[in-house]
Amino acid sequence: MSAFDAEYEPSPWEPIAAEVELYEQSNGSAPSQLVGDQWMVLWTIGARSAKVRKTPLVRTTDGHGRYAVIGSQGGAPTNPNWVHNLRAHGVARIQDGDTIHDLVAREVEGDEKATWWARAMEVWPSYADYQAATDRQIPLFVLEPGE
């Protein structure tokens, strides 16, 4: 049994819940109002609730089964909730089109972060503006298949 078999609790912020619903109905073929045409849905397990949480994010991948998720929250002073969930549990599920990937999450720094950050900027150049807008270092997680 997977942790992702837990009950799904939609985001209390309606635009996020609506985007997840749109993604699931269209298998990601409809563009997102929040994160553009290249997007995916990140599933995490709530750190406190243990419920499945889903978040639409910019699709950043290396094309070899690995993804990156960037905790920008539009340059807000705090991390998005899913960052806490990944730090607590270390697992994620990505829905990329009609494909589901169960992955291990690890937060990266240094050269590895810089490489993934550059990849993400190709898809969503606003990440630079988001980092400039906040004093916190925006976290970046690499999601990859487990051993």
Protein backbone atom coordinates (compact mmCIF):
# COMPACT_ATOMS: atom_id res chain seq x y z
CA MET A 1 0.00 0.00 0.00
CA SER A 2 1.31 3.43 -0.97
CA ALA A 3 1.23 6.54 1.20
CA PHE A 4 -0.52 8.13 -1.78
CA ASP A 5 -3.54 5.88 -1.23
CA ALA A 6 -4.44 8.20 1.66
CA GLU A 7 -7.43 10.53 1.47
CA TYR A 8 -6.99 13.51 -0.87
CA GLU A 9 -7.73 16.88 0.66
CA PRO A 10 -8.02 19.67 -1.95
CA SER A 11 -6.27 22.94 -1.30
CA PRO A 12 -8.31 25.39 0.77
CA TRP A 13 -7.23 28.05 -1.75
CA GLU A 14 -9.81 27.56 -4.50
CA PRO A 15 -7.58 28.55 -7.48
CA ILE A 16 -5.16 25.72 -6.61
CA ALA A 17 -7.95 23.17 -6.21
CA ALA A 18 -9.47 24.30 -9.53
CA GLU A 19 -6.13 23.99 -11.35
CA VAL A 20 -5.63 20.45 -10.04
CA GLU A 21 -9.12 19.53 -11.19
CA LEU A 22 -8.45 21.04 -14.64
CA TYR A 23 -5.20 19.08 -14.92
CA GLU A 24 -6.84 15.81 -13.97
CA GLN A 25 -9.73 16.35 -16.39
CA SER A 26 -7.43 17.26 -19.31
CA ASN A 27 -4.38 15.11 -18.44
CA GLY A 28 -2.44 18.37 -18.46
CA SER A 29 -3.34 19.34 -22.02
CA ALA A 30 -5.26 22.47 -20.98
CA PRO A 31 -3.01 25.40 -20.03
CA SER A 32 -2.76 26.47 -16.42
CA GLN A 33 -3.88 29.96 -15.43
CA LEU A 34 -1.19 29.95 -12.72
CA VAL A 35 1.85 28.18 -14.16
CA GLY A 36 1.50 28.25 -17.96
CA ASP A 37 1.54 25.52 -20.60
CA GLN A 38 4.40 23.40 -19.21
CA TRP A 39 2.97 22.09 -15.97
CA MET A 40 2.49 19.05 -13.80
CA VAL A 41 0.85 18.17 -10.51
CA LEU A 42 2.95 17.45 -7.43
CA TRP A 43 1.43 15.09 -4.85
CA THR A 44 2.79 15.22 -1.31
CA ILE A 45 1.71 13.73 1.99
CA GLY A 46 0.68 16.32 4.57
CA ALA A 47 3.27 16.56 7.33
CA ARG A 48 0.59 16.86 10.01
CA SER A 49 -2.59 15.59 8.33
CA ALA A 50 -1.06 12.59 6.48
CA LYS A 51 -3.55 13.39 3.70
CA VAL A 52 -2.63 13.63 0.02
CA ARG A 53 -2.05 17.22 -1.11
CA LYS A 54 -1.83 18.21 -4.78
CA THR A 55 -0.20 21.31 -6.20
CA PRO A 56 0.10 22.49 -9.81
CA LEU A 57 3.71 23.44 -10.59
CA VAL A 58 5.90 24.36 -13.53
CA ARG A 59 7.13 21.20 -15.25
CA THR A 60 10.90 20.95 -14.93
CA THR A 61 12.50 17.66 -15.99
CA ASP A 62 15.79 16.34 -17.30
CA GLY A 63 13.97 13.99 -19.70
CA HIS A 64 15.42 10.96 -17.86
CA GLY A 65 12.76 10.39 -15.21
CA ARG A 66 13.92 13.12 -12.83
CA TYR A 67 12.01 16.29 -12.00
CA ALA A 68 12.67 19.43 -10.00
CA VAL A 69 10.17 21.36 -7.92
CA ILE A 70 10.93 24.91 -6.86
CA GLY A 71 9.41 26.34 -3.67
CA SER A 72 9.12 29.88 -5.01
CA GLN A 73 5.56 30.73 -3.96
CA GLY A 74 5.85 33.72 -6.29
CA GLY A 75 8.61 35.26 -4.17
CA ALA A 76 6.55 35.24 -0.95
CA PRO A 77 8.50 35.48 2.33
CA THR A 78 7.53 31.92 3.33
CA ASN A 79 7.84 28.53 1.67
CA PRO A 80 4.78 26.83 0.20
CA ASN A 81 3.28 24.12 2.43
CA TRP A 82 4.44 21.35 0.13
CA VAL A 83 8.08 22.16 1.01
CA HIS A 84 7.39 21.18 4.63
CA ASN A 85 5.66 18.02 3.41
CA LEU A 86 8.65 16.96 1.28
CA ARG A 87 11.07 17.67 4.11
CA ALA A 88 8.92 15.62 6.50
CA HIS A 89 8.34 12.58 4.28
CA GLY A 90 10.89 12.63 1.45
CA VAL A 91 8.51 11.15 -1.11
CA ALA A 92 6.47 12.65 -3.91
CA ARG A 93 4.25 11.67 -6.78
CA ILE A 94 4.28 13.57 -10.06
CA GLN A 95 1.40 13.46 -12.51
CA ASP A 96 2.95 14.35 -15.86
CA GLY A 97 0.22 14.22 -18.47
CA ASP A 98 -1.50 10.87 -18.01
CA THR A 99 1.57 9.29 -16.38
CA ILE A 100 2.11 8.95 -12.64
CA HIS A 101 5.62 8.73 -11.17
CA ASP A 102 6.35 7.81 -7.53
CA LEU A 103 9.63 9.47 -6.62
CA VAL A 104 12.07 10.12 -3.81
CA ALA A 105 12.63 13.80 -2.96
CA ARG A 106 15.87 15.41 -1.88
CA GLU A 107 16.64 19.07 -1.38
CA VAL A 108 19.70 20.19 -3.34
CA GLU A 109 22.20 23.03 -3.04
CA GLY A 110 25.34 24.24 -4.80
CA ASP A 111 26.18 23.19 -8.34
CA GLU A 112 23.33 20.68 -8.56
CA LYS A 113 20.83 23.36 -7.57
CA ALA A 114 22.37 25.78 -10.09
CA THR A 115 22.03 23.21 -12.90
CA TRP A 116 18.37 22.51 -12.10
CA TRP A 117 17.66 26.23 -11.54
CA ALA A 118 18.96 27.00 -15.05
CA ARG A 119 16.74 24.24 -16.47
CA ALA A 120 13.73 25.66 -14.60
CA MET A 121 14.47 29.20 -15.83
CA GLU A 122 14.24 27.97 -19.43
CA VAL A 123 10.63 27.02 -18.76
CA TRP A 124 9.67 29.77 -16.27
CA PRO A 125 12.01 32.82 -16.37
CA SER A 126 10.06 34.50 -13.54
CA TYR A 127 11.94 32.36 -11.00
CA ALA A 128 14.70 35.02 -11.05
CA ASP A 129 12.15 37.71 -10.13
CA TYR A 130 10.77 35.52 -7.35
CA GLN A 131 14.22 35.01 -5.82
CA ALA A 132 14.91 38.76 -6.05
CA ALA A 133 11.61 39.49 -4.25
CA THR A 134 12.40 37.47 -1.11
CA ASP A 135 15.18 37.28 1.46
CA ARG A 136 14.83 33.49 1.82
CA GLN A 137 16.74 31.10 -0.40
CA ILE A 138 14.09 29.44 -2.53
CA PRO A 139 14.33 25.68 -1.97
CA LEU A 140 14.73 23.29 -4.88
CA PHE A 141 14.05 19.56 -4.66
CA VAL A 142 15.09 16.90 -7.14
CA LEU A 143 12.55 14.10 -7.45
CA GLU A 144 13.87 10.83 -8.81
CA PRO A 145 13.02 7.14 -8.88
CA GLY A 146 13.95 5.24 -5.73
CA GLU A 147 16.51 2.50 -5.60
